N, C-alpha and C. Protein backbone atom coordinates (compact mmCIF):
# COMPACT_ATOMS: atom_id res chain seq x y z
N UNK A 1 -10.79 -107.41 102.10
CA UNK A 1 -11.21 -105.96 101.81
C UNK A 1 -9.92 -105.18 101.23
N UNK A 2 -10.15 -104.56 100.28
CA UNK A 2 -9.08 -103.63 99.56
C UNK A 2 -9.42 -102.13 100.20
N UNK A 3 -8.38 -101.59 100.82
CA UNK A 3 -8.49 -100.18 101.30
C UNK A 3 -7.11 -99.56 101.04
N UNK A 4 -7.20 -98.30 101.35
CA UNK A 4 -5.83 -97.38 101.36
C UNK A 4 -5.00 -97.86 102.35
N UNK A 5 -3.77 -98.16 101.96
CA UNK A 5 -2.63 -98.38 103.09
C UNK A 5 -2.37 -97.18 103.88
N UNK A 6 -2.15 -97.34 105.07
CA UNK A 6 -1.80 -96.29 106.11
C UNK A 6 -0.28 -96.54 106.49
N UNK A 7 0.22 -95.47 107.16
CA UNK A 7 1.59 -95.47 107.49
C UNK A 7 1.74 -96.73 108.45
N UNK A 8 0.77 -96.88 109.39
CA UNK A 8 1.00 -97.91 110.39
C UNK A 8 0.91 -99.32 109.85
N UNK A 9 0.59 -99.43 108.54
CA UNK A 9 0.62 -100.72 107.85
C UNK A 9 2.09 -101.00 107.28
N UNK A 10 2.92 -100.18 107.33
CA UNK A 10 4.13 -100.17 106.53
C UNK A 10 4.96 -101.43 106.94
N UNK A 11 5.04 -101.83 108.15
CA UNK A 11 5.81 -103.11 108.62
C UNK A 11 5.27 -104.30 107.93
N UNK A 12 3.89 -104.44 107.97
CA UNK A 12 3.22 -105.46 107.44
C UNK A 12 3.35 -105.52 105.76
N UNK A 13 3.13 -104.50 105.27
CA UNK A 13 3.51 -104.36 103.82
C UNK A 13 4.89 -104.72 103.43
N UNK A 14 5.86 -104.27 104.07
CA UNK A 14 7.17 -104.61 103.93
C UNK A 14 7.41 -106.09 103.94
N UNK A 15 6.68 -106.71 104.81
CA UNK A 15 6.78 -108.27 104.90
C UNK A 15 6.27 -108.84 103.73
N UNK A 16 5.01 -108.35 103.25
CA UNK A 16 4.42 -108.94 102.08
C UNK A 16 5.41 -108.79 100.84
N UNK A 17 6.01 -107.68 100.69
CA UNK A 17 6.96 -107.45 99.53
C UNK A 17 8.18 -108.26 99.67
N UNK A 18 8.69 -108.60 101.03
CA UNK A 18 9.78 -109.46 101.19
C UNK A 18 9.36 -110.92 100.78
N UNK A 19 8.20 -111.28 101.20
CA UNK A 19 7.74 -112.62 100.75
C UNK A 19 7.58 -112.68 99.19
N UNK A 20 7.16 -111.73 98.55
CA UNK A 20 6.89 -111.63 96.93
C UNK A 20 8.34 -111.79 96.41
N UNK A 21 9.24 -110.97 96.89
CA UNK A 21 10.59 -111.01 96.38
C UNK A 21 11.22 -112.50 96.40
N UNK A 22 11.06 -113.14 97.57
CA UNK A 22 11.53 -114.52 97.77
C UNK A 22 10.72 -115.37 96.78
N UNK A 23 9.42 -115.32 96.53
CA UNK A 23 8.76 -116.14 95.65
C UNK A 23 9.24 -115.82 94.33
N UNK A 24 9.51 -114.57 93.89
CA UNK A 24 9.90 -114.25 92.47
C UNK A 24 11.21 -114.92 92.28
N UNK A 25 12.24 -114.83 93.29
CA UNK A 25 13.50 -115.62 93.02
C UNK A 25 13.32 -117.09 93.03
N UNK A 26 12.44 -117.66 93.83
CA UNK A 26 12.31 -119.16 93.68
C UNK A 26 11.63 -119.46 92.46
N UNK A 27 10.93 -118.59 91.72
CA UNK A 27 10.33 -119.12 90.42
C UNK A 27 10.97 -118.54 89.29
N UNK A 28 12.18 -118.24 89.36
CA UNK A 28 13.00 -117.83 88.13
C UNK A 28 13.10 -116.28 87.91
N UNK A 29 12.72 -115.60 88.72
CA UNK A 29 12.59 -114.00 88.44
C UNK A 29 13.32 -113.33 89.64
N UNK A 30 14.61 -113.50 89.70
CA UNK A 30 15.41 -112.88 90.75
C UNK A 30 15.72 -111.41 90.64
N UNK A 31 15.69 -110.87 89.30
CA UNK A 31 16.12 -109.68 89.03
C UNK A 31 15.20 -108.54 88.97
N UNK A 32 13.85 -108.80 88.97
CA UNK A 32 12.95 -107.76 88.58
C UNK A 32 12.90 -106.77 89.91
N UNK A 33 12.79 -107.38 91.11
CA UNK A 33 12.80 -106.57 92.27
C UNK A 33 14.05 -106.65 93.23
N UNK A 34 14.93 -107.61 92.73
CA UNK A 34 16.34 -107.66 93.60
C UNK A 34 15.99 -107.89 95.02
N UNK A 35 16.89 -107.47 95.80
CA UNK A 35 16.80 -107.59 97.24
C UNK A 35 15.89 -106.49 98.05
N UNK A 36 15.46 -105.48 97.33
CA UNK A 36 14.97 -104.39 98.24
C UNK A 36 13.97 -103.45 97.44
N UNK A 37 13.33 -103.95 96.52
CA UNK A 37 12.48 -103.21 95.68
C UNK A 37 11.06 -103.61 96.16
N UNK A 38 10.07 -102.83 96.49
CA UNK A 38 10.14 -101.42 96.38
C UNK A 38 10.81 -100.83 97.79
N UNK A 39 11.69 -99.79 97.47
CA UNK A 39 12.33 -99.25 98.78
C UNK A 39 11.16 -98.57 99.75
N UNK A 40 11.66 -98.50 100.88
CA UNK A 40 10.67 -97.97 101.95
C UNK A 40 10.11 -96.56 101.61
N UNK A 41 11.13 -95.69 100.97
CA UNK A 41 10.64 -94.27 100.67
C UNK A 41 9.56 -94.38 99.56
N UNK A 42 9.72 -95.15 98.61
CA UNK A 42 8.74 -95.41 97.53
C UNK A 42 7.25 -95.75 98.20
N UNK A 43 7.26 -96.76 99.19
CA UNK A 43 6.10 -97.16 99.83
C UNK A 43 5.52 -95.90 100.58
N UNK A 44 6.34 -95.21 101.45
CA UNK A 44 5.91 -94.04 102.19
C UNK A 44 5.22 -93.03 101.28
N UNK A 45 5.93 -92.78 100.20
CA UNK A 45 5.41 -91.76 99.17
C UNK A 45 4.04 -92.09 98.67
N UNK A 46 3.91 -93.48 98.32
CA UNK A 46 2.64 -93.90 97.70
C UNK A 46 1.55 -93.92 98.79
N UNK A 47 1.95 -94.21 100.08
CA UNK A 47 0.91 -94.14 101.07
C UNK A 47 0.57 -92.53 101.29
N UNK A 48 1.42 -91.80 101.35
CA UNK A 48 1.03 -90.32 101.49
C UNK A 48 0.31 -89.85 100.36
N UNK A 49 0.46 -90.26 99.15
CA UNK A 49 -0.23 -89.88 98.09
C UNK A 49 -1.63 -90.72 97.96
N UNK A 50 -1.93 -91.62 98.78
CA UNK A 50 -3.21 -92.33 98.71
C UNK A 50 -3.25 -93.21 97.60
N UNK A 51 -2.07 -93.75 97.05
CA UNK A 51 -1.95 -94.54 95.79
C UNK A 51 -1.60 -96.02 96.15
N UNK A 52 -1.37 -96.28 97.40
CA UNK A 52 -0.82 -97.69 97.72
C UNK A 52 -1.97 -98.25 98.47
N UNK A 53 -2.38 -99.49 98.16
CA UNK A 53 -3.68 -100.13 98.75
C UNK A 53 -3.04 -101.40 99.35
N UNK A 54 -4.00 -101.83 100.31
CA UNK A 54 -3.71 -103.09 101.08
C UNK A 54 -4.96 -103.87 100.90
N UNK A 55 -4.64 -105.23 100.87
CA UNK A 55 -5.69 -106.31 100.87
C UNK A 55 -5.73 -106.77 102.31
N UNK A 56 -6.74 -106.56 103.04
CA UNK A 56 -6.78 -106.94 104.48
C UNK A 56 -7.88 -107.99 104.73
N UNK A 57 -7.54 -108.96 105.43
CA UNK A 57 -8.72 -110.02 105.75
C UNK A 57 -8.35 -110.41 107.19
N UNK A 58 -9.35 -110.50 108.06
CA UNK A 58 -9.41 -110.88 109.42
C UNK A 58 -8.29 -110.06 110.18
N UNK A 59 -8.09 -108.76 109.88
CA UNK A 59 -7.23 -107.70 110.48
C UNK A 59 -5.70 -107.94 110.12
N UNK A 60 -5.44 -108.80 109.00
CA UNK A 60 -4.09 -109.05 108.51
C UNK A 60 -3.91 -108.62 107.08
N UNK A 61 -2.85 -108.08 106.78
CA UNK A 61 -2.53 -107.62 105.45
C UNK A 61 -2.11 -108.70 104.68
N UNK A 62 -2.45 -109.11 103.54
CA UNK A 62 -2.15 -110.19 102.85
C UNK A 62 -1.66 -109.79 101.47
N UNK A 63 -1.70 -108.62 101.16
CA UNK A 63 -1.28 -108.04 99.72
C UNK A 63 -1.34 -106.63 99.71
N UNK A 64 -0.63 -106.12 98.76
CA UNK A 64 -0.39 -104.73 98.46
C UNK A 64 -0.16 -104.32 97.00
N UNK A 65 -0.54 -103.27 96.61
CA UNK A 65 -0.37 -102.72 95.17
C UNK A 65 -0.51 -101.29 95.14
N UNK A 66 -0.02 -100.78 94.08
CA UNK A 66 -0.08 -99.30 93.55
C UNK A 66 -1.24 -99.21 92.56
N UNK A 67 -2.07 -98.16 92.76
CA UNK A 67 -3.07 -97.93 91.65
C UNK A 67 -3.23 -96.34 91.60
N UNK A 68 -3.32 -95.99 90.45
CA UNK A 68 -3.72 -94.50 90.21
C UNK A 68 -4.17 -94.39 88.70
N UNK A 69 -5.16 -93.46 88.69
CA UNK A 69 -5.47 -93.00 87.30
C UNK A 69 -4.62 -91.78 86.96
N UNK A 70 -3.64 -92.08 86.08
CA UNK A 70 -2.49 -90.99 85.85
C UNK A 70 -1.80 -91.60 84.69
N UNK A 71 -1.15 -90.71 84.05
CA UNK A 71 -0.20 -90.97 82.85
C UNK A 71 1.09 -91.53 83.57
N UNK A 72 1.47 -92.77 82.98
CA UNK A 72 2.69 -93.41 83.32
C UNK A 72 3.87 -93.08 82.52
N UNK A 73 4.79 -92.22 82.91
CA UNK A 73 5.80 -91.81 81.90
C UNK A 73 6.50 -93.10 81.17
N UNK A 74 6.58 -94.30 81.84
CA UNK A 74 7.20 -95.29 81.17
C UNK A 74 6.40 -95.90 80.07
N UNK A 75 5.17 -95.49 79.97
CA UNK A 75 4.27 -95.93 78.83
C UNK A 75 4.14 -95.08 77.78
N UNK A 76 4.90 -94.02 77.76
CA UNK A 76 4.82 -93.13 76.57
C UNK A 76 5.37 -93.71 75.24
N UNK A 77 6.32 -94.55 75.46
CA UNK A 77 7.14 -95.24 74.31
C UNK A 77 6.83 -96.65 74.43
N UNK A 78 6.26 -97.47 73.41
CA UNK A 78 6.12 -98.73 73.45
C UNK A 78 6.62 -99.29 72.13
N UNK A 79 7.55 -100.32 72.26
CA UNK A 79 8.04 -101.12 71.07
C UNK A 79 7.25 -102.42 70.89
N UNK A 80 7.48 -102.90 69.64
CA UNK A 80 6.84 -104.10 69.12
C UNK A 80 5.47 -104.24 69.48
N UNK A 81 4.58 -103.05 69.39
CA UNK A 81 3.22 -103.23 69.55
C UNK A 81 2.60 -101.80 69.72
N UNK A 82 1.40 -101.60 70.19
CA UNK A 82 0.82 -100.28 70.51
C UNK A 82 -0.29 -100.43 71.42
N UNK A 83 -0.69 -99.35 72.03
CA UNK A 83 -1.68 -99.24 72.98
C UNK A 83 -3.05 -99.44 72.29
N UNK A 84 -4.19 -99.89 73.00
CA UNK A 84 -5.35 -100.06 72.46
C UNK A 84 -6.24 -98.62 72.36
N UNK A 85 -5.74 -97.82 73.39
CA UNK A 85 -6.49 -96.56 73.26
C UNK A 85 -5.49 -95.55 74.17
N UNK A 86 -5.71 -94.26 73.78
CA UNK A 86 -4.94 -93.30 74.44
C UNK A 86 -5.81 -92.47 75.60
N UNK A 87 -7.05 -92.87 75.66
CA UNK A 87 -7.79 -92.15 76.85
C UNK A 87 -7.35 -92.46 78.14
N UNK A 88 -7.54 -91.66 79.18
CA UNK A 88 -7.05 -91.75 80.37
C UNK A 88 -7.17 -93.28 80.89
N UNK A 89 -6.25 -93.78 81.71
CA UNK A 89 -6.27 -95.19 82.11
C UNK A 89 -5.79 -95.25 83.55
N UNK A 90 -6.09 -96.51 84.18
CA UNK A 90 -5.43 -96.68 85.52
C UNK A 90 -4.30 -97.52 85.42
N UNK A 91 -3.26 -97.26 86.25
CA UNK A 91 -2.07 -98.06 86.22
C UNK A 91 -1.98 -98.84 87.58
N UNK A 92 -1.50 -100.24 87.28
CA UNK A 92 -1.46 -100.98 88.43
C UNK A 92 0.01 -101.47 88.66
N UNK A 93 0.59 -101.16 89.63
CA UNK A 93 2.09 -101.39 89.82
C UNK A 93 2.29 -102.13 91.29
N UNK A 94 3.42 -102.68 91.31
CA UNK A 94 3.98 -103.18 92.63
C UNK A 94 2.89 -104.29 93.36
N UNK A 95 2.55 -105.06 92.53
CA UNK A 95 1.54 -106.14 93.03
C UNK A 95 2.32 -107.09 93.92
N UNK A 96 1.90 -107.34 95.17
CA UNK A 96 2.62 -108.37 95.88
C UNK A 96 1.47 -108.98 96.80
N UNK A 97 1.77 -110.23 97.11
CA UNK A 97 0.98 -110.91 98.15
C UNK A 97 1.82 -111.87 98.99
N UNK A 98 1.23 -112.16 100.05
CA UNK A 98 1.94 -113.22 100.94
C UNK A 98 1.70 -114.55 100.73
N UNK A 99 0.91 -114.72 99.54
CA UNK A 99 0.85 -116.19 99.01
C UNK A 99 -0.23 -117.08 99.76
N UNK A 100 -1.02 -116.30 100.77
CA UNK A 100 -1.93 -117.08 101.38
C UNK A 100 -3.28 -117.02 100.64
N UNK A 101 -3.56 -116.12 99.88
CA UNK A 101 -4.94 -115.96 99.30
C UNK A 101 -4.75 -116.17 97.69
N UNK A 102 -5.75 -116.84 97.20
CA UNK A 102 -5.69 -117.15 95.68
C UNK A 102 -6.56 -116.15 95.06
N UNK A 103 -6.39 -115.71 93.84
CA UNK A 103 -7.01 -114.77 93.15
C UNK A 103 -6.81 -113.34 93.39
N UNK A 104 -5.58 -112.97 93.96
CA UNK A 104 -5.35 -111.65 94.42
C UNK A 104 -5.50 -110.60 93.29
N UNK A 105 -4.81 -111.04 92.11
CA UNK A 105 -4.80 -110.11 90.95
C UNK A 105 -6.35 -109.80 90.53
N UNK A 106 -7.14 -110.86 90.57
CA UNK A 106 -8.37 -110.77 90.09
C UNK A 106 -9.18 -109.76 91.03
N UNK A 107 -8.97 -109.72 92.26
CA UNK A 107 -9.47 -108.89 93.35
C UNK A 107 -9.16 -107.46 92.92
N UNK A 108 -7.84 -107.25 92.70
CA UNK A 108 -7.32 -105.93 92.41
C UNK A 108 -8.08 -105.47 91.07
N UNK A 109 -7.98 -106.26 90.11
CA UNK A 109 -8.59 -105.88 88.78
C UNK A 109 -10.06 -105.39 88.99
N UNK A 110 -10.83 -106.14 89.80
CA UNK A 110 -12.28 -105.90 90.18
C UNK A 110 -12.42 -104.54 90.81
N UNK A 111 -11.48 -104.33 91.80
CA UNK A 111 -11.35 -103.06 92.44
C UNK A 111 -11.13 -101.90 91.61
N UNK A 112 -9.99 -101.91 90.74
CA UNK A 112 -9.65 -100.96 90.04
C UNK A 112 -10.74 -100.63 88.91
N UNK A 113 -11.48 -101.68 88.29
CA UNK A 113 -12.43 -101.45 87.27
C UNK A 113 -13.67 -100.73 87.83
N UNK A 114 -13.75 -100.72 89.19
CA UNK A 114 -14.90 -99.79 89.74
C UNK A 114 -14.64 -98.24 89.58
N UNK A 115 -13.26 -98.02 89.27
CA UNK A 115 -12.93 -96.63 89.05
C UNK A 115 -12.62 -96.26 87.60
N UNK A 116 -12.14 -97.15 86.82
CA UNK A 116 -11.94 -97.07 85.41
C UNK A 116 -11.89 -98.39 84.77
N UNK A 117 -12.46 -98.59 83.53
CA UNK A 117 -12.45 -99.71 82.83
C UNK A 117 -11.17 -99.98 81.86
N UNK A 118 -10.31 -98.93 81.87
CA UNK A 118 -9.17 -98.87 81.08
C UNK A 118 -7.96 -98.91 81.99
N UNK A 119 -7.35 -100.17 81.86
CA UNK A 119 -6.17 -100.49 82.84
C UNK A 119 -4.94 -100.91 82.10
N UNK A 120 -3.84 -100.53 82.67
CA UNK A 120 -2.49 -100.89 82.19
C UNK A 120 -1.71 -101.48 83.26
N UNK A 121 -0.72 -102.46 82.92
CA UNK A 121 -0.02 -103.17 83.91
C UNK A 121 1.34 -103.64 82.90
N UNK A 122 2.43 -103.76 83.73
CA UNK A 122 3.51 -104.37 82.99
C UNK A 122 4.28 -105.29 84.10
N UNK A 123 5.17 -106.22 83.42
CA UNK A 123 6.00 -106.99 84.27
C UNK A 123 7.19 -107.45 83.46
N UNK A 124 8.09 -107.94 84.33
CA UNK A 124 9.49 -108.32 83.81
C UNK A 124 9.27 -109.64 83.00
N UNK A 125 10.08 -109.78 81.89
CA UNK A 125 10.14 -110.99 80.97
C UNK A 125 10.39 -112.23 81.72
N UNK A 126 10.91 -112.23 82.94
CA UNK A 126 11.23 -113.50 83.64
C UNK A 126 10.02 -113.79 84.58
N UNK A 127 9.08 -112.93 84.77
CA UNK A 127 8.09 -113.11 85.70
C UNK A 127 6.95 -113.92 84.99
N UNK A 128 7.19 -115.16 84.77
CA UNK A 128 6.31 -116.04 83.98
C UNK A 128 4.94 -116.18 84.70
N UNK A 129 4.92 -116.19 86.14
CA UNK A 129 3.66 -116.37 86.93
C UNK A 129 2.87 -115.13 86.79
N UNK A 130 3.44 -114.01 86.90
CA UNK A 130 2.53 -112.71 86.69
C UNK A 130 2.16 -112.52 85.17
N UNK A 131 2.88 -112.89 84.26
CA UNK A 131 2.45 -112.89 82.88
C UNK A 131 1.13 -113.92 82.68
N UNK A 132 1.31 -114.98 83.33
CA UNK A 132 0.03 -115.99 83.31
C UNK A 132 -1.24 -115.32 83.87
N UNK A 133 -0.94 -114.73 85.09
CA UNK A 133 -2.04 -114.27 85.84
C UNK A 133 -2.67 -112.91 85.11
N UNK A 134 -1.93 -112.14 84.60
CA UNK A 134 -2.22 -110.98 83.97
C UNK A 134 -3.20 -111.38 82.71
N UNK A 135 -2.66 -112.31 81.96
CA UNK A 135 -3.52 -112.58 80.90
C UNK A 135 -4.77 -113.42 81.21
N UNK A 136 -4.75 -114.13 82.19
CA UNK A 136 -5.98 -114.81 82.76
C UNK A 136 -6.96 -113.87 83.25
N UNK A 137 -6.54 -112.49 83.51
CA UNK A 137 -7.46 -111.64 84.02
C UNK A 137 -7.92 -110.57 82.89
N UNK A 138 -7.69 -111.11 81.71
CA UNK A 138 -8.39 -110.36 80.56
C UNK A 138 -7.47 -109.27 79.91
N UNK A 139 -6.33 -109.05 80.40
CA UNK A 139 -5.36 -108.04 79.67
C UNK A 139 -4.76 -108.78 78.50
N UNK A 140 -4.38 -107.80 77.50
CA UNK A 140 -3.84 -108.31 76.28
C UNK A 140 -2.32 -107.77 76.26
N UNK A 141 -1.29 -108.48 75.79
CA UNK A 141 -0.05 -108.07 75.62
C UNK A 141 0.03 -107.17 74.63
N UNK A 142 0.67 -105.92 74.87
CA UNK A 142 0.60 -104.87 74.00
C UNK A 142 1.95 -104.48 73.38
N UNK A 143 3.02 -104.99 74.01
CA UNK A 143 4.37 -104.63 73.50
C UNK A 143 5.41 -104.51 74.66
N UNK A 144 6.58 -103.73 74.40
CA UNK A 144 7.69 -103.69 75.24
C UNK A 144 7.86 -102.15 75.75
N UNK A 145 7.86 -101.85 77.08
CA UNK A 145 8.20 -100.60 77.55
C UNK A 145 9.37 -100.58 78.22
N UNK A 146 9.88 -99.46 78.67
CA UNK A 146 11.39 -99.37 79.28
C UNK A 146 11.04 -98.47 80.58
N UNK A 147 11.68 -98.86 81.65
CA UNK A 147 11.79 -98.00 82.89
C UNK A 147 12.62 -96.82 82.76
N UNK A 148 12.02 -95.76 82.17
CA UNK A 148 12.80 -94.54 81.96
C UNK A 148 13.21 -93.90 83.30
N UNK A 149 12.41 -93.90 84.42
CA UNK A 149 12.77 -93.18 85.64
C UNK A 149 13.73 -94.11 86.55
N UNK A 150 14.05 -95.43 86.15
CA UNK A 150 14.91 -96.21 86.82
C UNK A 150 16.10 -96.69 85.98
N UNK A 151 16.33 -97.91 85.62
CA UNK A 151 17.43 -98.30 85.06
C UNK A 151 17.35 -98.49 83.47
N UNK A 152 16.10 -98.29 82.90
CA UNK A 152 15.93 -98.33 81.57
C UNK A 152 15.57 -99.82 81.01
N UNK A 153 15.44 -100.79 81.98
CA UNK A 153 15.19 -102.06 81.66
C UNK A 153 13.85 -102.19 81.04
N UNK A 154 13.61 -103.32 80.17
CA UNK A 154 12.33 -103.66 79.42
C UNK A 154 11.43 -104.34 80.29
N UNK A 155 10.17 -104.02 79.95
CA UNK A 155 9.03 -104.77 80.62
C UNK A 155 8.05 -105.08 79.57
N UNK A 156 7.24 -106.19 79.85
CA UNK A 156 6.13 -106.46 78.92
C UNK A 156 5.01 -105.74 79.32
N UNK A 157 4.31 -104.96 78.38
CA UNK A 157 3.17 -104.21 78.75
C UNK A 157 1.95 -104.78 78.35
N UNK A 158 0.88 -104.75 79.27
CA UNK A 158 -0.51 -105.21 78.98
C UNK A 158 -1.50 -104.15 79.12
N UNK A 159 -2.68 -104.25 78.48
CA UNK A 159 -3.65 -103.32 78.73
C UNK A 159 -4.97 -104.13 78.64
N UNK A 160 -5.96 -103.55 79.43
CA UNK A 160 -7.30 -104.03 79.40
C UNK A 160 -8.26 -102.88 79.24
N UNK A 161 -9.21 -102.97 78.22
CA UNK A 161 -10.00 -101.86 77.85
C UNK A 161 -11.49 -102.38 77.88
N UNK A 162 -12.16 -102.19 79.08
CA UNK A 162 -13.46 -102.68 79.24
C UNK A 162 -14.47 -101.71 78.79
N UNK A 163 -15.73 -102.13 78.84
CA UNK A 163 -16.70 -101.23 78.30
C UNK A 163 -17.35 -100.37 79.46
């Protein structure tokens, strides 16, 4: 079940992100999230804004992600490509799982598509696992965006425009 994350979920959600960071490091992607991304304050703010979600099964949190239908400042400029559409879209960020459930991104996409069929997501060029899963879930690679609110680093941008 996917639901809004609550402040009392924070410890379990932080454990999910710690597991995801370790997995990323082990699979050749040590730099995307480093040692402490996303920071606790970011998670708290996303929970307060009702934009952080938890995947819960049998009373245990197995995954977390950010979702909102909003303009993403990092998506205003795109190099080496273009967006499919400029109509309002949903953004999916901070996808993390504890590795116990298969098809987590598929569940996220199905959940988000109930709210909008136009979705955008991005990932680091070293995150080969996520690139594969994003493409497997029907997104097309659109170009390169830059994290303007953080360190300016590049990310591969993807978009899915359903009917």
